[in-house]
């Protein structure tokens, strides 16, 4: 009887000691969703990679935020983490997780153009040919693409308002913006939202950058956890598998292998 009682007490003590350890494996993040659904890959990557290192992730969603609002909310700590192209300015404003998360897909750019404008790009074979068109790209304020286009001496305009306005300005054809370059992992979903625009069929502009996660300064204590999770995701091939699952059809639809690649010089900024 005494032995049974002692064993019961041991089990109770073990449960009390173990409970905080088990609870510590729960992690909650507040993350933005996007109207076009392009957030799904990044949410799943976080969820599955954290599982690999023993954490169960709960995501609180804030829906349909613009890029500008995401930046504000990340600075304020309203959202915990977001994905951006790596840039020095972002490294200074947020807490960077310096691990590429899309195998460089965001640096592979395809143009959204007005309908019936494909003929303009039909004879382009080199970056010099593209430059000589003197067509103007539109970008949001603070985007890394602005530095790339400037560094490569390509015409561009920066739109300080909601970046979603750029789609409408391209479609209008009278706002001084001729195209909107988008990552291959973004463009199909966006083209559905803006059917008045057309995916240019021949060209692939490429620079050497990738998306990475940035934490809010208020969530900096999570950096070692998320960093170890993403390293594990790379080592196990999880990132490769998710990229293939989410974008295999995109690669086929965009006919990437047959496009003419225009290599852009990548600035260090």
C-alpha atoms as a PDB file:
ATOM      1  CA  UNK A   1       0.000   0.000   0.000  1.00  0.00           C
ATOM      2  CA  UNK A   2       2.837   2.355   0.955  1.00  0.00           C
ATOM      3  CA  UNK A   3       4.681   1.461  -2.281  1.00  0.00           C
ATOM      4  CA  UNK A   4       1.528   2.249  -4.341  1.00  0.00           C
ATOM      5  CA  UNK A   5       1.073   5.558  -2.539  1.00  0.00           C
ATOM      6  CA  UNK A   6       4.720   6.493  -3.128  1.00  0.00           C
ATOM      7  CA  UNK A   7       4.390   5.644  -6.829  1.00  0.00           C
ATOM      8  CA  UNK A   8       1.229   7.765  -7.101  1.00  0.00           C
ATOM      9  CA  UNK A   9       2.991  10.706  -5.493  1.00  0.00           C
ATOM     10  CA  UNK A  10       5.882  10.257  -7.953  1.00  0.00           C
ATOM     11  CA  UNK A  11       3.486  10.310 -10.904  1.00  0.00           C
ATOM     12  CA  UNK A  12       1.803  13.431  -9.551  1.00  0.00           C
ATOM     13  CA  UNK A  13       5.145  15.205  -9.071  1.00  0.00           C
ATOM     14  CA  UNK A  14       6.247  14.135 -12.580  1.00  0.00           C
ATOM     15  CA  UNK A  15       3.035  15.535 -14.078  1.00  0.00           C
ATOM     16  CA  UNK A  16       3.444  18.833 -12.216  1.00  0.00           C
ATOM     17  CA  UNK A  17       7.070  19.192 -13.323  1.00  0.00           C
ATOM     18  CA  UNK A  18       6.357  18.065 -16.889  1.00  0.00           C
ATOM     19  CA  UNK A  19       3.364  20.306 -17.503  1.00  0.00           C
ATOM     20  CA  UNK A  20       5.342  23.572 -17.918  1.00  0.00           C
ATOM     21  CA  UNK A  21       7.750  21.787 -20.244  1.00  0.00           C
ATOM     22  CA  UNK A  22       4.885  20.565 -22.402  1.00  0.00           C
ATOM     23  CA  UNK A  23       3.214  23.987 -22.365  1.00  0.00           C
ATOM     24  CA  UNK A  24       6.486  25.630 -23.433  1.00  0.00           C
ATOM     25  CA  UNK A  25       6.216  23.743 -26.752  1.00  0.00           C
ATOM     26  CA  UNK A  26       3.118  25.738 -27.717  1.00  0.00           C
ATOM     27  CA  UNK A  27       3.834  28.821 -29.848  1.00  0.00           C
ATOM     28  CA  UNK A  28       1.378  31.481 -31.036  1.00  0.00           C
ATOM     29  CA  UNK A  29       2.125  33.947 -33.829  1.00  0.00           C
ATOM     30  CA  UNK A  30      -0.029  36.689 -35.312  1.00  0.00           C
ATOM     31  CA  UNK A  31       0.479  36.761 -39.084  1.00  0.00           C
ATOM     32  CA  UNK A  32      -1.073  38.637 -41.995  1.00  0.00           C
ATOM     33  CA  UNK A  33      -3.116  37.019 -44.736  1.00  0.00           C
ATOM     34  CA  UNK A  34      -3.188  38.371 -48.296  1.00  0.00           C
ATOM     35  CA  UNK A  35      -6.200  38.844 -50.538  1.00  0.00           C
ATOM     36  CA  UNK A  36      -4.641  36.747 -53.335  1.00  0.00           C
ATOM     37  CA  UNK A  37      -3.914  33.795 -51.035  1.00  0.00           C
ATOM     38  CA  UNK A  38      -0.140  33.978 -51.490  1.00  0.00           C
ATOM     39  CA  UNK A  39       0.328  33.813 -47.718  1.00  0.00           C
ATOM     40  CA  UNK A  40      -0.580  30.113 -47.543  1.00  0.00           C
ATOM     41  CA  UNK A  41       2.883  28.792 -48.398  1.00  0.00           C
ATOM     42  CA  UNK A  42       4.581  30.908 -45.723  1.00  0.00           C
ATOM     43  CA  UNK A  43       2.076  29.983 -43.039  1.00  0.00           C
ATOM     44  CA  UNK A  44       2.478  26.287 -43.810  1.00  0.00           C
ATOM     45  CA  UNK A  45       6.265  26.550 -43.903  1.00  0.00           C
ATOM     46  CA  UNK A  46       6.271  28.075 -40.424  1.00  0.00           C
ATOM     47  CA  UNK A  47       3.824  25.499 -39.106  1.00  0.00           C
ATOM     48  CA  UNK A  48       5.647  22.455 -40.493  1.00  0.00           C
ATOM     49  CA  UNK A  49       9.183  23.664 -39.770  1.00  0.00           C
ATOM     50  CA  UNK A  50       8.308  24.451 -36.149  1.00  0.00           C
ATOM     51  CA  UNK A  51       6.806  20.972 -35.840  1.00  0.00           C
ATOM     52  CA  UNK A  52      10.205  19.568 -36.841  1.00  0.00           C
ATOM     53  CA  UNK A  53      11.799  21.136 -33.766  1.00  0.00           C
ATOM     54  CA  UNK A  54       9.018  20.240 -31.346  1.00  0.00           C
ATOM     55  CA  UNK A  55       6.692  23.240 -31.397  1.00  0.00           C
ATOM     56  CA  UNK A  56       2.969  23.296 -32.096  1.00  0.00           C
ATOM     57  CA  UNK A  57       2.096  26.561 -33.813  1.00  0.00           C
ATOM     58  CA  UNK A  58      -1.160  28.432 -33.437  1.00  0.00           C
ATOM     59  CA  UNK A  59      -1.653  31.252 -35.957  1.00  0.00           C
ATOM     60  CA  UNK A  60      -3.829  34.258 -35.262  1.00  0.00           C
ATOM     61  CA  UNK A  61      -4.753  35.825 -38.608  1.00  0.00           C
ATOM     62  CA  UNK A  62      -5.140  39.476 -39.501  1.00  0.00           C
ATOM     63  CA  UNK A  63      -6.844  39.449 -42.874  1.00  0.00           C
ATOM     64  CA  UNK A  64      -6.197  41.196 -46.198  1.00  0.00           C
ATOM     65  CA  UNK A  65      -3.564  43.723 -45.135  1.00  0.00           C
ATOM     66  CA  UNK A  66      -1.860  45.966 -47.677  1.00  0.00           C
ATOM     67  CA  UNK A  67       1.947  45.921 -47.870  1.00  0.00           C
ATOM     68  CA  UNK A  68       2.115  49.354 -46.252  1.00  0.00           C
ATOM     69  CA  UNK A  69      -0.113  48.296 -43.355  1.00  0.00           C
ATOM     70  CA  UNK A  70       1.924  45.108 -42.852  1.00  0.00           C
ATOM     71  CA  UNK A  71       5.110  47.176 -42.405  1.00  0.00           C
ATOM     72  CA  UNK A  72       3.388  49.435 -39.858  1.00  0.00           C
ATOM     73  CA  UNK A  73       1.888  46.517 -37.935  1.00  0.00           C
ATOM     74  CA  UNK A  74       5.195  44.626 -37.873  1.00  0.00           C
ATOM     75  CA  UNK A  75       6.985  47.667 -36.446  1.00  0.00           C
ATOM     76  CA  UNK A  76       4.286  48.062 -33.796  1.00  0.00           C
ATOM     77  CA  UNK A  77       4.200  44.367 -32.881  1.00  0.00           C
ATOM     78  CA  UNK A  78       0.588  43.960 -33.972  1.00  0.00           C
ATOM     79  CA  UNK A  79       1.817  41.112 -36.174  1.00  0.00           C
ATOM     80  CA  UNK A  80       4.696  38.878 -35.100  1.00  0.00           C
ATOM     81  CA  UNK A  81       6.385  37.953 -38.356  1.00  0.00           C
ATOM     82  CA  UNK A  82       6.227  38.548 -42.099  1.00  0.00           C
ATOM     83  CA  UNK A  83       8.168  37.609 -45.225  1.00  0.00           C
ATOM     84  CA  UNK A  84      10.016  40.213 -47.311  1.00  0.00           C
ATOM     85  CA  UNK A  85      12.854  40.320 -49.815  1.00  0.00           C
ATOM     86  CA  UNK A  86      16.084  40.712 -47.867  1.00  0.00           C
ATOM     87  CA  UNK A  87      17.245  44.338 -47.703  1.00  0.00           C
ATOM     88  CA  UNK A  88      19.539  46.318 -45.404  1.00  0.00           C
ATOM     89  CA  UNK A  89      16.760  48.755 -44.497  1.00  0.00           C
ATOM     90  CA  UNK A  90      14.577  45.852 -43.337  1.00  0.00           C
ATOM     91  CA  UNK A  91      17.472  44.274 -41.440  1.00  0.00           C
ATOM     92  CA  UNK A  92      17.694  47.534 -39.485  1.00  0.00           C
ATOM     93  CA  UNK A  93      13.962  47.985 -38.896  1.00  0.00           C
ATOM     94  CA  UNK A  94      13.055  44.397 -37.971  1.00  0.00           C
ATOM     95  CA  UNK A  95      14.679  41.209 -36.676  1.00  0.00           C
ATOM     96  CA  UNK A  96      15.937  39.224 -39.698  1.00  0.00           C
ATOM     97  CA  UNK A  97      15.925  35.447 -39.972  1.00  0.00           C
ATOM     98  CA  UNK A  98      18.708  35.140 -42.553  1.00  0.00           C
ATOM     99  CA  UNK A  99      17.510  31.991 -44.302  1.00  0.00           C
ATOM    100  CA  UNK A 100      16.051  32.038 -47.819  1.00  0.00           C
ATOM    101  CA  UNK A 101      12.604  30.479 -47.895  1.00  0.00           C
ATOM    102  CA  UNK A 102      11.492  30.235 -51.566  1.00  0.00           C
ATOM    103  CA  UNK A 103      14.625  28.946 -53.328  1.00  0.00           C
ATOM    104  CA  UNK A 104      15.026  32.386 -54.921  1.00  0.00           C
ATOM    105  CA  UNK A 105      11.637  32.425 -56.650  1.00  0.00           C
ATOM    106  CA  UNK A 106      10.900  36.045 -55.778  1.00  0.00           C
ATOM    107  CA  UNK A 107      14.007  37.125 -57.711  1.00  0.00           C
ATOM    108  CA  UNK A 108      12.562  35.592 -60.880  1.00  0.00           C
ATOM    109  CA  UNK A 109      10.316  38.307 -62.280  1.00  0.00           C
ATOM    110  CA  UNK A 110       7.602  38.147 -64.927  1.00  0.00           C
ATOM    111  CA  UNK A 111       5.749  41.232 -66.176  1.00  0.00           C
ATOM    112  CA  UNK A 112       2.084  42.057 -65.837  1.00  0.00           C
ATOM    113  CA  UNK A 113       1.189  44.274 -68.801  1.00  0.00           C
ATOM    114  CA  UNK A 114      -1.986  45.744 -70.318  1.00  0.00           C
ATOM    115  CA  UNK A 115      -3.842  43.512 -72.739  1.00  0.00           C
ATOM    116  CA  UNK A 116      -2.836  43.767 -76.401  1.00  0.00           C
ATOM    117  CA  UNK A 117       0.675  44.947 -75.491  1.00  0.00           C
ATOM    118  CA  UNK A 118       2.588  41.683 -76.019  1.00  0.00           C
ATOM    119  CA  UNK A 119       3.890  42.841 -79.419  1.00  0.00           C
ATOM    120  CA  UNK A 120       5.973  45.545 -77.703  1.00  0.00           C
ATOM    121  CA  UNK A 121       8.152  42.914 -76.025  1.00  0.00           C
ATOM    122  CA  UNK A 122       8.214  40.425 -78.879  1.00  0.00           C
ATOM    123  CA  UNK A 123      11.670  41.309 -80.220  1.00  0.00           C
ATOM    124  CA  UNK A 124      13.474  41.643 -76.879  1.00  0.00           C
ATOM    125  CA  UNK A 125      16.407  39.244 -76.608  1.00  0.00           C
ATOM    126  CA  UNK A 126      18.791  41.024 -74.215  1.00  0.00           C
ATOM    127  CA  UNK A 127      18.688  43.375 -71.254  1.00  0.00           C
ATOM    128  CA  UNK A 128      19.923  46.109 -73.574  1.00  0.00           C
ATOM    129  CA  UNK A 129      16.920  45.501 -75.856  1.00  0.00           C
ATOM    130  CA  UNK A 130      14.600  45.738 -72.869  1.00  0.00           C
ATOM    131  CA  UNK A 131      16.256  48.944 -71.683  1.00  0.00           C
ATOM    132  CA  UNK A 132      15.883  50.535 -75.117  1.00  0.00           C
ATOM    133  CA  UNK A 133      12.096  50.083 -74.978  1.00  0.00           C
ATOM    134  CA  UNK A 134      12.083  52.816 -72.326  1.00  0.00           C
ATOM    135  CA  UNK A 135       9.044  51.271 -70.699  1.00  0.00           C
ATOM    136  CA  UNK A 136       8.432  52.281 -67.096  1.00  0.00           C
ATOM    137  CA  UNK A 137       7.918  49.797 -64.265  1.00  0.00           C
ATOM    138  CA  UNK A 138       5.864  50.630 -61.195  1.00  0.00           C
ATOM    139  CA  UNK A 139       6.900  49.755 -57.619  1.00  0.00           C
ATOM    140  CA  UNK A 140       5.826  50.426 -54.067  1.00  0.00           C
ATOM    141  CA  UNK A 141       7.710  52.723 -51.747  1.00  0.00           C
ATOM    142  CA  UNK A 142      10.760  51.122 -50.118  1.00  0.00           C
ATOM    143  CA  UNK A 143      10.730  48.017 -52.316  1.00  0.00           C
ATOM    144  CA  UNK A 144      14.011  46.300 -53.118  1.00  0.00           C
ATOM    145  CA  UNK A 145      13.017  46.288 -56.797  1.00  0.00           C
ATOM    146  CA  UNK A 146      13.467  50.065 -56.847  1.00  0.00           C
ATOM    147  CA  UNK A 147      17.172  49.605 -56.078  1.00  0.00           C
ATOM    148  CA  UNK A 148      17.469  46.865 -58.721  1.00  0.00           C
ATOM    149  CA  UNK A 149      15.813  48.896 -61.477  1.00  0.00           C
ATOM    150  CA  UNK A 150      17.877  51.971 -60.609  1.00  0.00           C
ATOM    151  CA  UNK A 151      21.113  49.940 -60.510  1.00  0.00           C
ATOM    152  CA  UNK A 152      20.330  48.482 -63.942  1.00  0.00           C
ATOM    153  CA  UNK A 153      19.357  51.847 -65.448  1.00  0.00           C
ATOM    154  CA  UNK A 154      15.758  50.874 -66.123  1.00  0.00           C
ATOM    155  CA  UNK A 155      12.935  53.454 -65.967  1.00  0.00           C
ATOM    156  CA  UNK A 156      10.625  53.156 -62.960  1.00  0.00           C
ATOM    157  CA  UNK A 157       8.128  55.054 -60.838  1.00  0.00           C
ATOM    158  CA  UNK A 158       7.576  54.703 -57.106  1.00  0.00           C
ATOM    159  CA  UNK A 159       3.962  54.816 -55.914  1.00  0.00           C
ATOM    160  CA  UNK A 160       3.733  55.966 -52.307  1.00  0.00           C
ATOM    161  CA  UNK A 161       0.122  54.911 -51.705  1.00  0.00           C
ATOM    162  CA  UNK A 162      -1.331  51.418 -51.603  1.00  0.00           C
ATOM    163  CA  UNK A 163       0.762  49.170 -53.848  1.00  0.00           C
ATOM    164  CA  UNK A 164      -2.465  47.583 -55.100  1.00  0.00           C
ATOM    165  CA  UNK A 165      -3.031  50.827 -57.002  1.00  0.00           C
ATOM    166  CA  UNK A 166      -0.149  49.903 -59.298  1.00  0.00           C
ATOM    167  CA  UNK A 167      -2.197  47.126 -60.896  1.00  0.00           C
ATOM    168  CA  UNK A 168      -4.933  49.617 -61.730  1.00  0.00           C
ATOM    169  CA  UNK A 169      -2.457  52.184 -63.025  1.00  0.00           C
ATOM    170  CA  UNK A 170      -0.889  49.665 -65.408  1.00  0.00           C
ATOM    171  CA  UNK A 171      -4.313  48.650 -66.684  1.00  0.00           C
ATOM    172  CA  UNK A 172      -5.316  52.301 -67.226  1.00  0.00           C
ATOM    173  CA  UNK A 173      -2.441  52.803 -69.699  1.00  0.00           C
ATOM    174  CA  UNK A 174      -2.434  56.563 -69.109  1.00  0.00           C
ATOM    175  CA  UNK A 175      -0.737  56.811 -65.705  1.00  0.00           C
ATOM    176  CA  UNK A 176       2.901  56.608 -66.816  1.00  0.00           C
ATOM    177  CA  UNK A 177       3.405  52.974 -65.768  1.00  0.00           C
ATOM    178  CA  UNK A 178       3.756  50.331 -68.473  1.00  0.00           C
ATOM    179  CA  UNK A 179       4.224  47.137 -66.468  1.00  0.00           C
ATOM    180  CA  UNK A 180       4.401  45.648 -62.996  1.00  0.00           C
ATOM    181  CA  UNK A 181       7.127  43.039 -62.455  1.00  0.00           C
ATOM    182  CA  UNK A 182       6.049  40.238 -60.123  1.00  0.00           C
ATOM    183  CA  UNK A 183       7.707  37.171 -58.648  1.00  0.00           C
ATOM    184  CA  UNK A 184       6.817  33.906 -60.357  1.00  0.00           C
ATOM    185  CA  UNK A 185       5.359  32.782 -57.023  1.00  0.00           C
ATOM    186  CA  UNK A 186       2.959  35.758 -56.996  1.00  0.00           C
ATOM    187  CA  UNK A 187       1.860  36.481 -60.528  1.00  0.00           C
ATOM    188  CA  UNK A 188      -0.729  33.791 -61.309  1.00  0.00           C
ATOM    189  CA  UNK A 189      -2.852  34.525 -58.247  1.00  0.00           C
ATOM    190  CA  UNK A 190      -2.600  38.256 -58.909  1.00  0.00           C
ATOM    191  CA  UNK A 191      -3.552  37.889 -62.564  1.00  0.00           C
ATOM    192  CA  UNK A 192      -6.812  36.284 -61.457  1.00  0.00           C
ATOM    193  CA  UNK A 193      -7.584  39.312 -59.284  1.00  0.00           C
ATOM    194  CA  UNK A 194      -6.797  41.715 -62.144  1.00  0.00           C
ATOM    195  CA  UNK A 195      -8.163  40.089 -65.327  1.00  0.00           C
ATOM    196  CA  UNK A 196      -7.665  43.318 -67.285  1.00  0.00           C
ATOM    197  CA  UNK A 197      -3.909  42.638 -67.118  1.00  0.00           C
ATOM    198  CA  UNK A 198      -1.963  40.106 -69.164  1.00  0.00           C
ATOM    199  CA  UNK A 199       1.061  37.976 -68.241  1.00  0.00           C
ATOM    200  CA  UNK A 200       3.898  38.810 -70.652  1.00  0.00           C
ATOM    201  CA  UNK A 201       4.808  35.583 -72.461  1.00  0.00           C
ATOM    202  CA  UNK A 202       8.510  35.668 -73.388  1.00  0.00           C
ATOM    203  CA  UNK A 203      10.716  37.259 -70.731  1.00  0.00           C
ATOM    204  CA  UNK A 204      12.076  36.333 -67.315  1.00  0.00           C
ATOM    205  CA  UNK A 205      13.983  39.053 -65.473  1.00  0.00           C
ATOM    206  CA  UNK A 206      16.160  37.671 -62.679  1.00  0.00           C
ATOM    207  CA  UNK A 207      18.111  39.060 -59.758  1.00  0.00           C
ATOM    208  CA  UNK A 208      19.737  37.219 -56.861  1.00  0.00           C
ATOM    209  CA  UNK A 209      17.560  37.620 -53.796  1.00  0.00           C
ATOM    210  CA  UNK A 210      15.074  35.580 -51.832  1.00  0.00           C
ATOM    211  CA  UNK A 211      12.281  36.095 -49.371  1.00  0.00           C
ATOM    212  CA  UNK A 212      13.129  35.637 -45.714  1.00  0.00           C
ATOM    213  CA  UNK A 213      11.174  36.033 -42.523  1.00  0.00           C
ATOM    214  CA  UNK A 214      11.398  39.173 -40.409  1.00  0.00           C
ATOM    215  CA  UNK A 215      10.234  39.275 -36.807  1.00  0.00           C
ATOM    216  CA  UNK A 216       8.736  42.287 -35.108  1.00  0.00           C
ATOM    217  CA  UNK A 217      11.177  43.871 -32.620  1.00  0.00           C
ATOM    218  CA  UNK A 218       8.668  42.893 -29.935  1.00  0.00           C
ATOM    219  CA  UNK A 219       9.096  39.202 -30.896  1.00  0.00           C
ATOM    220  CA  UNK A 220      12.898  39.116 -31.128  1.00  0.00           C
ATOM    221  CA  UNK A 221      13.100  36.414 -28.428  1.00  0.00           C
ATOM    222  CA  UNK A 222      11.646  33.969 -30.978  1.00  0.00           C
ATOM    223  CA  UNK A 223      14.568  34.319 -33.386  1.00  0.00           C
ATOM    224  CA  UNK A 224      16.592  31.251 -32.234  1.00  0.00           C
ATOM    225  CA  UNK A 225      13.481  29.047 -32.304  1.00  0.00           C
ATOM    226  CA  UNK A 226      12.378  30.040 -35.815  1.00  0.00           C
ATOM    227  CA  UNK A 227      15.952  30.058 -37.102  1.00  0.00           C
ATOM    228  CA  UNK A 228      16.549  26.479 -35.938  1.00  0.00           C
ATOM    229  CA  UNK A 229      13.200  25.428 -37.403  1.00  0.00           C
ATOM    230  CA  UNK A 230      13.992  26.853 -40.848  1.00  0.00           C
ATOM    231  CA  UNK A 231      17.485  25.350 -40.851  1.00  0.00           C
ATOM    232  CA  UNK A 232      15.852  21.988 -40.147  1.00  0.00           C
ATOM    233  CA  UNK A 233      13.374  22.663 -42.986  1.00  0.00           C
ATOM    234  CA  UNK A 234      16.282  23.157 -45.384  1.00  0.00           C
ATOM    235  CA  UNK A 235      18.214  20.134 -44.144  1.00  0.00           C
ATOM    236  CA  UNK A 236      15.239  17.794 -44.414  1.00  0.00           C
ATOM    237  CA  UNK A 237      14.133  19.058 -47.845  1.00  0.00           C
ATOM    238  CA  UNK A 238      10.880  20.455 -46.455  1.00  0.00           C
ATOM    239  CA  UNK A 239      11.349  23.784 -48.253  1.00  0.00           C
ATOM    240  CA  UNK A 240      12.001  22.008 -51.566  1.00  0.00           C
ATOM    241  CA  UNK A 241       8.899  19.863 -51.149  1.00  0.00           C
ATOM    242  CA  UNK A 242       6.636  22.794 -50.251  1.00  0.00           C
ATOM    243  CA  UNK A 243       7.955  24.968 -53.087  1.00  0.00           C
ATOM    244  CA  UNK A 244       7.260  22.137 -55.500  1.00  0.00           C
ATOM    245  CA  UNK A 245       3.793  21.501 -54.063  1.00  0.00           C
ATOM    246  CA  UNK A 246       2.695  25.129 -54.167  1.00  0.00           C
ATOM    247  CA  UNK A 247       4.277  26.247 -57.441  1.00  0.00           C
ATOM    248  CA  UNK A 248       4.871  23.234 -59.706  1.00  0.00           C
ATOM    249  CA  UNK A 249       1.819  24.135 -61.811  1.00  0.00           C
ATOM    250  CA  UNK A 250       2.947  27.769 -61.889  1.00  0.00           C
ATOM    251  CA  UNK A 251       6.299  26.794 -63.385  1.00  0.00           C
ATOM    252  CA  UNK A 252       4.490  24.910 -66.136  1.00  0.00           C
ATOM    253  CA  UNK A 253       1.895  27.580 -66.847  1.00  0.00           C
ATOM    254  CA  UNK A 254       4.516  30.319 -67.069  1.00  0.00           C
ATOM    255  CA  UNK A 255       6.673  28.132 -69.324  1.00  0.00           C
ATOM    256  CA  UNK A 256       9.762  29.266 -67.427  1.00  0.00           C
ATOM    257  CA  UNK A 257      12.245  26.980 -69.163  1.00  0.00           C
ATOM    258  CA  UNK A 258      11.501  28.524 -72.563  1.00  0.00           C
ATOM    259  CA  UNK A 259      11.546  32.163 -71.506  1.00  0.00           C
ATOM    260  CA  UNK A 260      14.408  34.490 -72.398  1.00  0.00           C
ATOM    261  CA  UNK A 261      16.259  35.252 -69.172  1.00  0.00           C
ATOM    262  CA  UNK A 262      17.426  38.832 -68.660  1.00  0.00           C
ATOM    263  CA  UNK A 263      19.980  38.779 -65.827  1.00  0.00           C
ATOM    264  CA  UNK A 264      19.837  41.903 -63.680  1.00  0.00           C
ATOM    265  CA  UNK A 265      22.754  43.042 -61.551  1.00  0.00           C
ATOM    266  CA  UNK A 266      21.853  42.830 -57.877  1.00  0.00           C
ATOM    267  CA  UNK A 267      22.766  45.860 -55.745  1.00  0.00           C
ATOM    268  CA  UNK A 268      24.024  45.404 -52.205  1.00  0.00           C
ATOM    269  CA  UNK A 269      21.274  47.282 -50.394  1.00  0.00           C
END
